[in-house]
Protein backbone atom coordinates (compact mmCIF):
# COMPACT_ATOMS: atom_id res chain seq x y z
CA MET A 1 15.43 6.29 2.57
CA SER A 2 16.82 8.36 -0.29
CA PHE A 3 16.82 12.15 -0.43
CA VAL A 4 15.53 13.19 -3.87
CA SER A 5 14.34 16.82 -4.03
CA GLU A 6 13.11 16.63 -7.65
CA MET A 7 10.01 18.07 -9.28
CA LEU A 8 6.95 15.93 -9.94
CA LYS A 9 4.34 16.11 -12.68
CA PRO A 10 0.87 15.58 -11.16
CA SER A 11 -1.76 13.47 -12.90
CA ASP A 12 -5.14 14.90 -13.92
CA GLU A 13 -6.97 12.70 -11.41
CA TRP A 14 -7.28 13.79 -7.80
CA LEU A 15 -7.95 12.01 -4.54
CA ASP A 16 -11.23 12.91 -2.90
CA SER A 17 -10.07 14.95 0.05
CA PRO A 18 -11.72 17.15 2.66
CA ALA A 19 -8.56 19.28 2.40
CA LEU A 20 -10.09 21.25 -0.49
CA SER A 21 -12.70 22.73 1.84
CA ARG A 22 -9.86 23.95 4.11
CA GLY A 23 -8.05 25.74 1.27
CA GLU A 24 -5.35 23.08 0.91
CA PRO A 25 -4.20 21.73 -2.47
CA ALA A 26 -5.95 18.78 -4.08
CA LEU A 27 -3.69 15.75 -3.82
CA PRO A 28 -3.09 14.09 -7.21
CA ARG A 29 -3.89 10.36 -7.57
CA ALA A 30 -0.46 9.84 -9.15
CA PHE A 31 2.73 11.67 -10.05
CA ARG A 32 5.23 11.26 -12.87
CA TRP A 33 8.82 11.22 -11.59
CA ARG A 34 11.67 10.60 -14.02
CA GLU A 35 10.30 7.59 -15.94
CA ASP A 36 8.16 6.23 -13.07
CA ASP A 37 4.49 6.65 -12.26
CA LEU A 38 4.10 7.06 -8.50
CA VAL A 39 0.52 5.94 -7.79
CA VAL A 40 -0.82 6.98 -4.37
CA THR A 41 -2.64 4.25 -2.45
CA ALA A 42 -2.92 6.05 0.91
CA VAL A 43 -2.00 9.18 2.78
CA ILE A 44 0.00 8.14 5.84
CA GLY A 45 0.46 11.62 7.27
CA THR A 46 0.27 15.33 6.53
CA TRP A 47 1.83 18.45 8.01
CA ARG A 48 2.67 22.05 7.09
CA SER A 49 5.77 24.19 7.22
CA THR A 50 5.92 27.95 7.51
CA THR A 51 8.37 30.71 6.73
CA THR A 52 8.84 34.08 8.40
CA ASP A 53 9.41 37.29 6.47
CA ARG A 54 9.79 40.65 8.22
CA GLY A 55 8.04 39.39 11.33
CA ASP A 56 5.07 37.80 9.52
CA THR A 57 4.60 34.03 9.34
CA TYR A 58 3.39 32.49 6.09
CA LEU A 59 2.33 28.97 5.15
CA ALA A 60 5.05 27.79 2.75
CA ARG A 61 4.52 24.07 2.07
CA HIS A 62 1.97 21.30 2.48
CA TRP A 63 3.72 17.96 3.15
CA TYR A 64 2.38 14.44 2.54
CA GLU A 65 3.77 11.05 3.49
CA LEU A 66 2.30 8.66 0.92
CA ALA A 67 2.02 4.90 0.51
CA LEU A 68 2.68 4.09 -3.16
CA ALA A 69 1.28 1.22 -5.24
CA ASP A 70 4.74 -0.33 -5.71
CA GLY A 71 5.25 -0.62 -1.94
CA ARG A 72 7.50 2.38 -1.51
CA ILE A 73 6.84 5.33 0.79
CA GLY A 74 7.27 8.83 -0.63
CA VAL A 75 7.34 12.22 1.06
CA VAL A 76 6.13 14.96 -1.27
CA TYR A 77 5.36 18.61 -0.77
CA PHE A 78 3.29 21.29 -2.46
CA ASP A 79 5.15 24.62 -2.70
CA ARG A 80 2.66 27.45 -2.18
CA LYS A 81 5.24 30.08 -3.16
CA ALA A 82 5.97 28.68 -6.63
CA ARG A 83 5.44 31.30 -9.30
CA GLY A 84 3.63 30.74 -12.61
CA GLY A 85 5.29 28.05 -14.70
CA GLN A 86 7.40 26.71 -11.83
CA ALA A 87 6.87 23.24 -10.38
CA ARG A 88 4.56 23.16 -7.37
CA TRP A 89 4.85 19.45 -6.45
CA TRP A 90 8.20 18.00 -5.34
CA LEU A 91 9.41 14.57 -4.27
CA TYR A 92 11.44 15.09 -1.10
CA THR A 93 12.34 11.52 -0.12
CA ILE A 94 11.48 7.99 -1.20
CA THR A 95 11.91 4.79 0.79
CA GLU A 96 12.91 1.75 -1.25
CA GLY A 97 12.19 -1.96 -0.76
CA ASP A 98 13.48 -3.35 2.54
CA ASP A 99 13.62 0.11 4.16
CA VAL A 100 9.81 0.40 4.11
CA PRO A 101 8.35 -0.34 7.55
CA GLU A 102 5.60 -2.96 7.88
CA ARG A 103 2.15 -1.34 7.85
CA GLU A 104 -1.42 -2.46 7.64
CA SER A 105 -2.87 -2.46 4.13
CA PHE A 106 -4.65 0.72 3.11
CA PRO A 107 -7.85 0.93 1.07
CA SER A 108 -7.55 2.70 -2.27
CA PRO A 109 -9.45 5.98 -2.37
CA PRO A 110 -11.61 6.63 -5.43
CA PRO A 111 -10.11 8.92 -8.09
CA ARG A 112 -11.54 12.39 -8.54
CA LYS A 113 -11.37 14.59 -11.63
CA ASP A 114 -9.37 17.81 -11.64
CA PRO A 115 -11.22 20.39 -9.46
CA ARG A 116 -10.01 23.34 -11.55
């Protein structure tokens, strides 16, 4: 596993997700990272992290562990506190080749157009 912590450019296609009805971000079907297209084939897991400011707790990030079309596993997050013009999607870690654990195959979800 490699620690990356670099911004991602989301595609204009979105995975169909019940998360939208819960006020969570729409997960892009793919991301552009450096010169690579990271195409999502499955969501392995999700979680949230919070931050505390002056005694109040706020939702800070939505995290996703993703199976990618090239066989790698990526952990990305959506930064809720990003201000206008700043990147909201970030690649946190990516697991290369032999480091990827064996998993069952995942069905590809249908793409969905930008909900904005």
